[in-house]
Amino acid sequence: APLPPARAWSGKSEALVAAPSHPWRTP
């Protein structure tokens, strides 16, 4: 089903995402 356009977003909380090298990245 087609969805309405998504607005661009960026926030400080993106720093919570583990780096690719982190041994405990979540699935």
mmCIF file of all heavy atoms, coordinates in Angstrom:
data_MODEL
# 
_entry.id   MODEL 
# 
loop_
_atom_site.group_PDB 
_atom_site.id 
_atom_site.type_symbol 
_atom_site.label_atom_id 
_atom_site.label_alt_id 
_atom_site.label_comp_id 
_atom_site.label_asym_id 
_atom_site.label_entity_id 
_atom_site.label_seq_id 
_atom_site.pdbx_PDB_ins_code 
_atom_site.Cartn_x 
_atom_site.Cartn_y 
_atom_site.Cartn_z 
_atom_site.occupancy 
_atom_site.B_iso_or_equiv 
_atom_site.pdbx_formal_charge 
_atom_site.auth_seq_id 
_atom_site.auth_comp_id 
_atom_site.auth_asym_id 
_atom_site.auth_atom_id 
_atom_site.pdbx_PDB_model_num 
ATOM 1   N N   . ALA A 1 1  ? 0.840  -1.196  0.000  1.00 0.00 ? 1  ALA A N   1 
ATOM 2   C CA  . ALA A 1 1  ? 0.000  0.000   0.000  1.00 0.00 ? 1  ALA A CA  1 
ATOM 3   C C   . ALA A 1 1  ? 0.879  1.250   0.000  1.00 0.00 ? 1  ALA A C   1 
ATOM 4   O O   . ALA A 1 1  ? 1.829  1.342   0.787  1.00 0.00 ? 1  ALA A O   1 
ATOM 5   C CB  . ALA A 1 1  ? -0.905 -0.012  1.230  1.00 0.00 ? 1  ALA A CB  1 
ATOM 6   N N   . PRO A 1 2  ? 0.600  2.206   -0.864 1.00 0.00 ? 2  PRO A N   1 
ATOM 7   C CA  . PRO A 1 2  ? 1.415  3.435   -0.901 1.00 0.00 ? 2  PRO A CA  1 
ATOM 8   C C   . PRO A 1 2  ? 1.157  4.282   0.342  1.00 0.00 ? 2  PRO A C   1 
ATOM 9   O O   . PRO A 1 2  ? 0.026  4.421   0.801  1.00 0.00 ? 2  PRO A O   1 
ATOM 10  C CB  . PRO A 1 2  ? 0.922  4.139   -2.169 1.00 0.00 ? 2  PRO A CB  1 
ATOM 11  C CG  . PRO A 1 2  ? -0.470 3.622   -2.381 1.00 0.00 ? 2  PRO A CG  1 
ATOM 12  C CD  . PRO A 1 2  ? -0.475 2.213   -1.874 1.00 0.00 ? 2  PRO A CD  1 
ATOM 13  N N   . LEU A 1 3  ? 2.223  4.829   0.908  1.00 0.00 ? 3  LEU A N   1 
ATOM 14  C CA  . LEU A 1 3  ? 2.120  5.641   2.118  1.00 0.00 ? 3  LEU A CA  1 
ATOM 15  C C   . LEU A 1 3  ? 2.412  7.100   1.798  1.00 0.00 ? 3  LEU A C   1 
ATOM 16  O O   . LEU A 1 3  ? 3.084  7.408   0.803  1.00 0.00 ? 3  LEU A O   1 
ATOM 17  C CB  . LEU A 1 3  ? 3.100  5.134   3.179  1.00 0.00 ? 3  LEU A CB  1 
ATOM 18  C CG  . LEU A 1 3  ? 2.862  3.706   3.684  1.00 0.00 ? 3  LEU A CG  1 
ATOM 19  C CD1 . LEU A 1 3  ? 3.925  3.323   4.705  1.00 0.00 ? 3  LEU A CD1 1 
ATOM 20  C CD2 . LEU A 1 3  ? 1.467  3.572   4.273  1.00 0.00 ? 3  LEU A CD2 1 
ATOM 21  N N   . PRO A 1 4  ? 1.947  8.015   2.624  1.00 0.00 ? 4  PRO A N   1 
ATOM 22  C CA  . PRO A 1 4  ? 2.255  9.436   2.417  1.00 0.00 ? 4  PRO A CA  1 
ATOM 23  C C   . PRO A 1 4  ? 3.762  9.666   2.467  1.00 0.00 ? 4  PRO A C   1 
ATOM 24  O O   . PRO A 1 4  ? 4.514  8.842   3.008  1.00 0.00 ? 4  PRO A O   1 
ATOM 25  C CB  . PRO A 1 4  ? 1.558  10.115  3.594  1.00 0.00 ? 4  PRO A CB  1 
ATOM 26  C CG  . PRO A 1 4  ? 0.498  9.156   4.026  1.00 0.00 ? 4  PRO A CG  1 
ATOM 27  C CD  . PRO A 1 4  ? 1.058  7.788   3.765  1.00 0.00 ? 4  PRO A CD  1 
ATOM 28  N N   . PRO A 1 5  ? 4.230  10.780  1.923  1.00 0.00 ? 5  PRO A N   1 
ATOM 29  C CA  . PRO A 1 5  ? 5.676  11.050  1.918  1.00 0.00 ? 5  PRO A CA  1 
ATOM 30  C C   . PRO A 1 5  ? 6.222  11.165  3.332  1.00 0.00 ? 5  PRO A C   1 
ATOM 31  O O   . PRO A 1 5  ? 5.584  11.739  4.224  1.00 0.00 ? 5  PRO A O   1 
ATOM 32  C CB  . PRO A 1 5  ? 5.802  12.380  1.158  1.00 0.00 ? 5  PRO A CB  1 
ATOM 33  C CG  . PRO A 1 5  ? 4.428  12.989  1.229  1.00 0.00 ? 5  PRO A CG  1 
ATOM 34  C CD  . PRO A 1 5  ? 3.467  11.848  1.267  1.00 0.00 ? 5  PRO A CD  1 
ATOM 35  N N   . ALA A 1 6  ? 7.412  10.582  3.556  1.00 0.00 ? 6  ALA A N   1 
ATOM 36  C CA  . ALA A 1 6  ? 8.075  10.667  4.857  1.00 0.00 ? 6  ALA A CA  1 
ATOM 37  C C   . ALA A 1 6  ? 8.921  11.925  4.910  1.00 0.00 ? 6  ALA A C   1 
ATOM 38  O O   . ALA A 1 6  ? 9.648  12.247  3.959  1.00 0.00 ? 6  ALA A O   1 
ATOM 39  C CB  . ALA A 1 6  ? 8.944  9.434   5.085  1.00 0.00 ? 6  ALA A CB  1 
ATOM 40  N N   . ARG A 1 7  ? 8.852  12.639  6.016  1.00 0.00 ? 7  ARG A N   1 
ATOM 41  C CA  . ARG A 1 7  ? 9.659  13.839  6.186  1.00 0.00 ? 7  ARG A CA  1 
ATOM 42  C C   . ARG A 1 7  ? 11.061 13.449  6.635  1.00 0.00 ? 7  ARG A C   1 
ATOM 43  O O   . ARG A 1 7  ? 11.248 12.517  7.416  1.00 0.00 ? 7  ARG A O   1 
ATOM 44  C CB  . ARG A 1 7  ? 9.013  14.768  7.219  1.00 0.00 ? 7  ARG A CB  1 
ATOM 45  C CG  . ARG A 1 7  ? 7.618  15.239  6.829  1.00 0.00 ? 7  ARG A CG  1 
ATOM 46  C CD  . ARG A 1 7  ? 7.064  16.209  7.862  1.00 0.00 ? 7  ARG A CD  1 
ATOM 47  N NE  . ARG A 1 7  ? 7.832  17.444  7.876  1.00 0.00 ? 7  ARG A NE  1 
ATOM 48  C CZ  . ARG A 1 7  ? 8.184  18.094  8.992  1.00 0.00 ? 7  ARG A CZ  1 
ATOM 49  N NH1 . ARG A 1 7  ? 7.858  17.590  10.177 1.00 0.00 ? 7  ARG A NH1 1 
ATOM 50  N NH2 . ARG A 1 7  ? 8.858  19.219  8.934  1.00 0.00 ? 7  ARG A NH2 1 
ATOM 51  N N   . ALA A 1 8  ? 12.047 14.155  6.148  1.00 0.00 ? 8  ALA A N   1 
ATOM 52  C CA  . ALA A 1 8  ? 13.434 13.899  6.532  1.00 0.00 ? 8  ALA A CA  1 
ATOM 53  C C   . ALA A 1 8  ? 13.599 14.165  8.024  1.00 0.00 ? 8  ALA A C   1 
ATOM 54  O O   . ALA A 1 8  ? 13.001 15.094  8.579  1.00 0.00 ? 8  ALA A O   1 
ATOM 55  C CB  . ALA A 1 8  ? 14.367 14.784  5.724  1.00 0.00 ? 8  ALA A CB  1 
ATOM 56  N N   . TRP A 1 9  ? 14.409 13.325  8.657  1.00 0.00 ? 9  TRP A N   1 
ATOM 57  C CA  . TRP A 1 9  ? 14.634 13.498  10.099 1.00 0.00 ? 9  TRP A CA  1 
ATOM 58  C C   . TRP A 1 9  ? 16.063 13.150  10.444 1.00 0.00 ? 9  TRP A C   1 
ATOM 59  O O   . TRP A 1 9  ? 16.655 12.210  9.893  1.00 0.00 ? 9  TRP A O   1 
ATOM 60  C CB  . TRP A 1 9  ? 13.698 12.578  10.886 1.00 0.00 ? 9  TRP A CB  1 
ATOM 61  C CG  . TRP A 1 9  ? 13.937 12.622  12.373 1.00 0.00 ? 9  TRP A CG  1 
ATOM 62  C CD1 . TRP A 1 9  ? 13.465 13.541  13.251 1.00 0.00 ? 9  TRP A CD1 1 
ATOM 63  C CD2 . TRP A 1 9  ? 14.757 11.730  13.145 1.00 0.00 ? 9  TRP A CD2 1 
ATOM 64  N NE1 . TRP A 1 9  ? 13.917 13.281  14.526 1.00 0.00 ? 9  TRP A NE1 1 
ATOM 65  C CE2 . TRP A 1 9  ? 14.719 12.166  14.493 1.00 0.00 ? 9  TRP A CE2 1 
ATOM 66  C CE3 . TRP A 1 9  ? 15.532 10.614  12.836 1.00 0.00 ? 9  TRP A CE3 1 
ATOM 67  C CZ2 . TRP A 1 9  ? 15.400 11.523  15.521 1.00 0.00 ? 9  TRP A CZ2 1 
ATOM 68  C CZ3 . TRP A 1 9  ? 16.228 9.959   13.856 1.00 0.00 ? 9  TRP A CZ3 1 
ATOM 69  C CH2 . TRP A 1 9  ? 16.155 10.420  15.182 1.00 0.00 ? 9  TRP A CH2 1 
ATOM 70  N N   . SER A 1 10 ? 16.622 13.914  11.368 1.00 0.00 ? 10 SER A N   1 
ATOM 71  C CA  . SER A 1 10 ? 17.872 13.549  12.029 1.00 0.00 ? 10 SER A CA  1 
ATOM 72  C C   . SER A 1 10 ? 17.818 14.133  13.423 1.00 0.00 ? 10 SER A C   1 
ATOM 73  O O   . SER A 1 10 ? 17.231 15.192  13.661 1.00 0.00 ? 10 SER A O   1 
ATOM 74  C CB  . SER A 1 10 ? 19.093 14.094  11.263 1.00 0.00 ? 10 SER A CB  1 
ATOM 75  O OG  . SER A 1 10 ? 19.086 15.510  11.266 1.00 0.00 ? 10 SER A OG  1 
ATOM 76  N N   . GLY A 1 11 ? 18.403 13.406  14.375 1.00 0.00 ? 11 GLY A N   1 
ATOM 77  C CA  . GLY A 1 11 ? 18.372 13.858  15.753 1.00 0.00 ? 11 GLY A CA  1 
ATOM 78  C C   . GLY A 1 11 ? 19.577 13.357  16.511 1.00 0.00 ? 11 GLY A C   1 
ATOM 79  O O   . GLY A 1 11 ? 20.285 12.444  16.079 1.00 0.00 ? 11 GLY A O   1 
ATOM 80  N N   . LYS A 1 12 ? 19.804 13.963  17.684 1.00 0.00 ? 12 LYS A N   1 
ATOM 81  C CA  . LYS A 1 12 ? 20.936 13.560  18.513 1.00 0.00 ? 12 LYS A CA  1 
ATOM 82  C C   . LYS A 1 12 ? 20.842 12.092  18.925 1.00 0.00 ? 12 LYS A C   1 
ATOM 83  O O   . LYS A 1 12 ? 21.859 11.453  19.175 1.00 0.00 ? 12 LYS A O   1 
ATOM 84  C CB  . LYS A 1 12 ? 21.017 14.447  19.742 1.00 0.00 ? 12 LYS A CB  1 
ATOM 85  C CG  . LYS A 1 12 ? 21.430 15.881  19.471 1.00 0.00 ? 12 LYS A CG  1 
ATOM 86  C CD  . LYS A 1 12 ? 21.557 16.668  20.771 1.00 0.00 ? 12 LYS A CD  1 
ATOM 87  C CE  . LYS A 1 12 ? 22.002 18.103  20.505 1.00 0.00 ? 12 LYS A CE  1 
ATOM 88  N NZ  . LYS A 1 12 ? 22.114 18.875  21.770 1.00 0.00 ? 12 LYS A NZ  1 
ATOM 89  N N   . SER A 1 13 ? 19.609 11.569  18.996 1.00 0.00 ? 13 SER A N   1 
ATOM 90  C CA  . SER A 1 13 ? 19.459 10.184  19.444 1.00 0.00 ? 13 SER A CA  1 
ATOM 91  C C   . SER A 1 13 ? 20.064 9.192   18.464 1.00 0.00 ? 13 SER A C   1 
ATOM 92  O O   . SER A 1 13 ? 20.263 8.021   18.809 1.00 0.00 ? 13 SER A O   1 
ATOM 93  C CB  . SER A 1 13 ? 17.978 9.859   19.663 1.00 0.00 ? 13 SER A CB  1 
ATOM 94  O OG  . SER A 1 13 ? 17.251 9.952   18.453 1.00 0.00 ? 13 SER A OG  1 
ATOM 95  N N   . GLU A 1 14 ? 20.405 9.625   17.257 1.00 0.00 ? 14 GLU A N   1 
ATOM 96  C CA  . GLU A 1 14 ? 21.060 8.721   16.304 1.00 0.00 ? 14 GLU A CA  1 
ATOM 97  C C   . GLU A 1 14 ? 22.408 8.246   16.832 1.00 0.00 ? 14 GLU A C   1 
ATOM 98  O O   . GLU A 1 14 ? 22.911 7.193   16.418 1.00 0.00 ? 14 GLU A O   1 
ATOM 99  C CB  . GLU A 1 14 ? 21.221 9.409   14.956 1.00 0.00 ? 14 GLU A CB  1 
ATOM 100 C CG  . GLU A 1 14 ? 19.898 9.605   14.224 1.00 0.00 ? 14 GLU A CG  1 
ATOM 101 C CD  . GLU A 1 14 ? 20.063 10.333  12.913 1.00 0.00 ? 14 GLU A CD  1 
ATOM 102 O OE1 . GLU A 1 14 ? 20.334 11.548  12.926 1.00 0.00 ? 14 GLU A OE1 1 
ATOM 103 O OE2 . GLU A 1 14 ? 19.922 9.665   11.856 1.00 0.00 ? 14 GLU A OE2 1 
ATOM 104 N N   . ALA A 1 15 ? 22.994 9.016   17.779 1.00 0.00 ? 15 ALA A N   1 
ATOM 105 C CA  . ALA A 1 15 ? 24.260 8.603   18.382 1.00 0.00 ? 15 ALA A CA  1 
ATOM 106 C C   . ALA A 1 15 ? 24.098 7.351   19.246 1.00 0.00 ? 15 ALA A C   1 
ATOM 107 O O   . ALA A 1 15 ? 25.096 6.718   19.623 1.00 0.00 ? 15 ALA A O   1 
ATOM 108 C CB  . ALA A 1 15 ? 24.845 9.736   19.223 1.00 0.00 ? 15 ALA A CB  1 
ATOM 109 N N   . LEU A 1 16 ? 22.856 6.972   19.558 1.00 0.00 ? 16 LEU A N   1 
ATOM 110 C CA  . LEU A 1 16 ? 22.611 5.768   20.349 1.00 0.00 ? 16 LEU A CA  1 
ATOM 111 C C   . LEU A 1 16 ? 22.820 4.500   19.548 1.00 0.00 ? 16 LEU A C   1 
ATOM 112 O O   . LEU A 1 16 ? 22.971 3.412   20.124 1.00 0.00 ? 16 LEU A O   1 
ATOM 113 C CB  . LEU A 1 16 ? 21.168 5.789   20.884 1.00 0.00 ? 16 LEU A CB  1 
ATOM 114 C CG  . LEU A 1 16 ? 20.809 6.932   21.837 1.00 0.00 ? 16 LEU A CG  1 
ATOM 115 C CD1 . LEU A 1 16 ? 19.294 6.949   22.075 1.00 0.00 ? 16 LEU A CD1 1 
ATOM 116 C CD2 . LEU A 1 16 ? 21.549 6.780   23.159 1.00 0.00 ? 16 LEU A CD2 1 
ATOM 117 N N   . VAL A 1 17 ? 22.820 4.599   18.226 1.00 0.00 ? 17 VAL A N   1 
ATOM 118 C CA  . VAL A 1 17 ? 22.995 3.422   17.374 1.00 0.00 ? 17 VAL A CA  1 
ATOM 119 C C   . VAL A 1 17 ? 24.447 2.963   17.457 1.00 0.00 ? 17 VAL A C   1 
ATOM 120 O O   . VAL A 1 17 ? 25.379 3.751   17.297 1.00 0.00 ? 17 VAL A O   1 
ATOM 121 C CB  . VAL A 1 17 ? 22.624 3.738   15.914 1.00 0.00 ? 17 VAL A CB  1 
ATOM 122 C CG1 . VAL A 1 17 ? 22.825 2.512   15.039 1.00 0.00 ? 17 VAL A CG1 1 
ATOM 123 C CG2 . VAL A 1 17 ? 21.186 4.225   15.834 1.00 0.00 ? 17 VAL A CG2 1 
ATOM 124 N N   . ALA A 1 18 ? 24.632 1.691   17.747 1.00 0.00 ? 18 ALA A N   1 
ATOM 125 C CA  . ALA A 1 18 ? 25.978 1.153   17.903 1.00 0.00 ? 18 ALA A CA  1 
ATOM 126 C C   . ALA A 1 18 ? 26.740 1.197   16.587 1.00 0.00 ? 18 ALA A C   1 
ATOM 127 O O   . ALA A 1 18 ? 26.162 0.986   15.506 1.00 0.00 ? 18 ALA A O   1 
ATOM 128 C CB  . ALA A 1 18 ? 25.907 -0.282  18.419 1.00 0.00 ? 18 ALA A CB  1 
ATOM 129 N N   . ALA A 1 19 ? 28.029 1.443   16.691 1.00 0.00 ? 19 ALA A N   1 
ATOM 130 C CA  . ALA A 1 19 ? 28.889 1.453   15.506 1.00 0.00 ? 19 ALA A CA  1 
ATOM 131 C C   . ALA A 1 19 ? 28.995 0.048   14.923 1.00 0.00 ? 19 ALA A C   1 
ATOM 132 O O   . ALA A 1 19 ? 28.836 -0.947  15.625 1.00 0.00 ? 19 ALA A O   1 
ATOM 133 C CB  . ALA A 1 19 ? 30.275 1.971   15.885 1.00 0.00 ? 19 ALA A CB  1 
ATOM 134 N N   . PRO A 1 20 ? 29.281 -0.044  13.626 1.00 0.00 ? 20 PRO A N   1 
ATOM 135 C CA  . PRO A 1 20 ? 29.405 -1.366  12.990 1.00 0.00 ? 20 PRO A CA  1 
ATOM 136 C C   . PRO A 1 20 ? 30.412 -2.280  13.680 1.00 0.00 ? 20 PRO A C   1 
ATOM 137 O O   . PRO A 1 20 ? 30.271 -3.502  13.631 1.00 0.00 ? 20 PRO A O   1 
ATOM 138 C CB  . PRO A 1 20 ? 29.840 -1.025  11.559 1.00 0.00 ? 20 PRO A CB  1 
ATOM 139 C CG  . PRO A 1 20 ? 29.297 0.349   11.332 1.00 0.00 ? 20 PRO A CG  1 
ATOM 140 C CD  . PRO A 1 20 ? 29.399 1.052   12.641 1.00 0.00 ? 20 PRO A CD  1 
ATOM 141 N N   . SER A 1 21 ? 31.399 -1.709  14.335 1.00 0.00 ? 21 SER A N   1 
ATOM 142 C CA  . SER A 1 21 ? 32.415 -2.533  15.000 1.00 0.00 ? 21 SER A CA  1 
ATOM 143 C C   . SER A 1 21 ? 32.010 -2.980  16.402 1.00 0.00 ? 21 SER A C   1 
ATOM 144 O O   . SER A 1 21 ? 32.724 -3.771  17.025 1.00 0.00 ? 21 SER A O   1 
ATOM 145 C CB  . SER A 1 21 ? 33.725 -1.745  15.093 1.00 0.00 ? 21 SER A CB  1 
ATOM 146 O OG  . SER A 1 21 ? 33.523 -0.544  15.844 1.00 0.00 ? 21 SER A OG  1 
ATOM 147 N N   . HIS A 1 22 ? 30.887 -2.496  16.904 1.00 0.00 ? 22 HIS A N   1 
ATOM 148 C CA  . HIS A 1 22 ? 30.473 -2.815  18.275 1.00 0.00 ? 22 HIS A CA  1 
ATOM 149 C C   . HIS A 1 22 ? 30.114 -4.297  18.370 1.00 0.00 ? 22 HIS A C   1 
ATOM 150 O O   . HIS A 1 22 ? 29.341 -4.814  17.557 1.00 0.00 ? 22 HIS A O   1 
ATOM 151 C CB  . HIS A 1 22 ? 29.274 -1.958  18.669 1.00 0.00 ? 22 HIS A CB  1 
ATOM 152 C CG  . HIS A 1 22 ? 29.038 -1.888  20.150 1.00 0.00 ? 22 HIS A CG  1 
ATOM 153 N ND1 . HIS A 1 22 ? 28.676 -2.978  20.904 1.00 0.00 ? 22 HIS A ND1 1 
ATOM 154 C CD2 . HIS A 1 22 ? 29.122 -0.843  21.011 1.00 0.00 ? 22 HIS A CD2 1 
ATOM 155 C CE1 . HIS A 1 22 ? 28.535 -2.612  22.172 1.00 0.00 ? 22 HIS A CE1 1 
ATOM 156 N NE2 . HIS A 1 22 ? 28.812 -1.310  22.261 1.00 0.00 ? 22 HIS A NE2 1 
ATOM 157 N N   . PRO A 1 23 ? 30.645 -5.009  19.369 1.00 0.00 ? 23 PRO A N   1 
ATOM 158 C CA  . PRO A 1 23 ? 30.372 -6.450  19.453 1.00 0.00 ? 23 PRO A CA  1 
ATOM 159 C C   . PRO A 1 23 ? 28.947 -6.790  19.874 1.00 0.00 ? 23 PRO A C   1 
ATOM 160 O O   . PRO A 1 23 ? 28.530 -7.945  19.703 1.00 0.00 ? 23 PRO A O   1 
ATOM 161 C CB  . PRO A 1 23 ? 31.377 -6.926  20.510 1.00 0.00 ? 23 PRO A CB  1 
ATOM 162 C CG  . PRO A 1 23 ? 31.651 -5.714  21.353 1.00 0.00 ? 23 PRO A CG  1 
ATOM 163 C CD  . PRO A 1 23 ? 31.592 -4.546  20.405 1.00 0.00 ? 23 PRO A CD  1 
ATOM 164 N N   . TRP A 1 24 ? 28.214 -5.817  20.408 1.00 0.00 ? 24 TRP A N   1 
ATOM 165 C CA  . TRP A 1 24 ? 26.856 -6.109  20.890 1.00 0.00 ? 24 TRP A CA  1 
ATOM 166 C C   . TRP A 1 24 ? 25.797 -5.334  20.104 1.00 0.00 ? 24 TRP A C   1 
ATOM 167 O O   . TRP A 1 24 ? 24.788 -4.918  20.666 1.00 0.00 ? 24 TRP A O   1 
ATOM 168 C CB  . TRP A 1 24 ? 26.750 -5.792  22.387 1.00 0.00 ? 24 TRP A CB  1 
ATOM 169 C CG  . TRP A 1 24 ? 27.445 -6.818  23.223 1.00 0.00 ? 24 TRP A CG  1 
ATOM 170 C CD1 . TRP A 1 24 ? 28.657 -6.704  23.834 1.00 0.00 ? 24 TRP A CD1 1 
ATOM 171 C CD2 . TRP A 1 24 ? 26.981 -8.136  23.502 1.00 0.00 ? 24 TRP A CD2 1 
ATOM 172 N NE1 . TRP A 1 24 ? 28.983 -7.859  24.492 1.00 0.00 ? 24 TRP A NE1 1 
ATOM 173 C CE2 . TRP A 1 24 ? 27.962 -8.762  24.306 1.00 0.00 ? 24 TRP A CE2 1 
ATOM 174 C CE3 . TRP A 1 24 ? 25.844 -8.865  23.146 1.00 0.00 ? 24 TRP A CE3 1 
ATOM 175 C CZ2 . TRP A 1 24 ? 27.842 -10.071 24.763 1.00 0.00 ? 24 TRP A CZ2 1 
ATOM 176 C CZ3 . TRP A 1 24 ? 25.717 -10.166 23.606 1.00 0.00 ? 24 TRP A CZ3 1 
ATOM 177 C CH2 . TRP A 1 24 ? 26.711 -10.763 24.410 1.00 0.00 ? 24 TRP A CH2 1 
ATOM 178 N N   . ARG A 1 25 ? 26.044 -5.163  18.836 1.00 0.00 ? 25 ARG A N   1 
ATOM 179 C CA  . ARG A 1 25 ? 24.975 -4.572  18.009 1.00 0.00 ? 25 ARG A CA  1 
ATOM 180 C C   . ARG A 1 25 ? 23.743 -5.469  18.056 1.00 0.00 ? 25 ARG A C   1 
ATOM 181 O O   . ARG A 1 25 ? 23.846 -6.706  17.995 1.00 0.00 ? 25 ARG A O   1 
ATOM 182 C CB  . ARG A 1 25 ? 25.438 -4.411  16.566 1.00 0.00 ? 25 ARG A CB  1 
ATOM 183 C CG  . ARG A 1 25 ? 26.348 -3.222  16.345 1.00 0.00 ? 25 ARG A CG  1 
ATOM 184 C CD  . ARG A 1 25 ? 26.313 -2.765  14.902 1.00 0.00 ? 25 ARG A CD  1 
ATOM 185 N NE  . ARG A 1 25 ? 26.721 -3.814  13.985 1.00 0.00 ? 25 ARG A NE  1 
ATOM 186 C CZ  . ARG A 1 25 ? 26.504 -3.774  12.670 1.00 0.00 ? 25 ARG A CZ  1 
ATOM 187 N NH1 . ARG A 1 25 ? 25.850 -2.755  12.132 1.00 0.00 ? 25 ARG A NH1 1 
ATOM 188 N NH2 . ARG A 1 25 ? 26.912 -4.762  11.897 1.00 0.00 ? 25 ARG A NH2 1 
ATOM 189 N N   . THR A 1 26 ? 22.579 -4.855  18.122 1.00 0.00 ? 26 THR A N   1 
ATOM 190 C CA  . THR A 1 26 ? 21.338 -5.630  18.139 1.00 0.00 ? 26 THR A CA  1 
ATOM 191 C C   . THR A 1 26 ? 21.000 -6.096  16.725 1.00 0.00 ? 26 THR A C   1 
ATOM 192 O O   . THR A 1 26 ? 21.516 -5.546  15.736 1.00 0.00 ? 26 THR A O   1 
ATOM 193 C CB  . THR A 1 26 ? 20.173 -4.777  18.667 1.00 0.00 ? 26 THR A CB  1 
ATOM 194 O OG1 . THR A 1 26 ? 19.898 -3.722  17.730 1.00 0.00 ? 26 THR A OG1 1 
ATOM 195 C CG2 . THR A 1 26 ? 20.479 -4.191  20.035 1.00 0.00 ? 26 THR A CG2 1 
ATOM 196 N N   . PRO A 1 27 ? 20.140 -7.092  16.594 1.00 0.00 ? 27 PRO A N   1 
ATOM 197 C CA  . PRO A 1 27 ? 19.748 -7.534  15.244 1.00 0.00 ? 27 PRO A CA  1 
ATOM 198 C C   . PRO A 1 27 ? 19.164 -6.414  14.394 1.00 0.00 ? 27 PRO A C   1 
ATOM 199 O O   . PRO A 1 27 ? 19.444 -6.341  13.187 1.00 0.00 ? 27 PRO A O   1 
ATOM 200 C CB  . PRO A 1 27 ? 18.711 -8.621  15.531 1.00 0.00 ? 27 PRO A CB  1 
ATOM 201 C CG  . PRO A 1 27 ? 19.097 -9.171  16.863 1.00 0.00 ? 27 PRO A CG  1 
ATOM 202 C CD  . PRO A 1 27 ? 19.600 -7.991  17.640 1.00 0.00 ? 27 PRO A CD  1 
# 
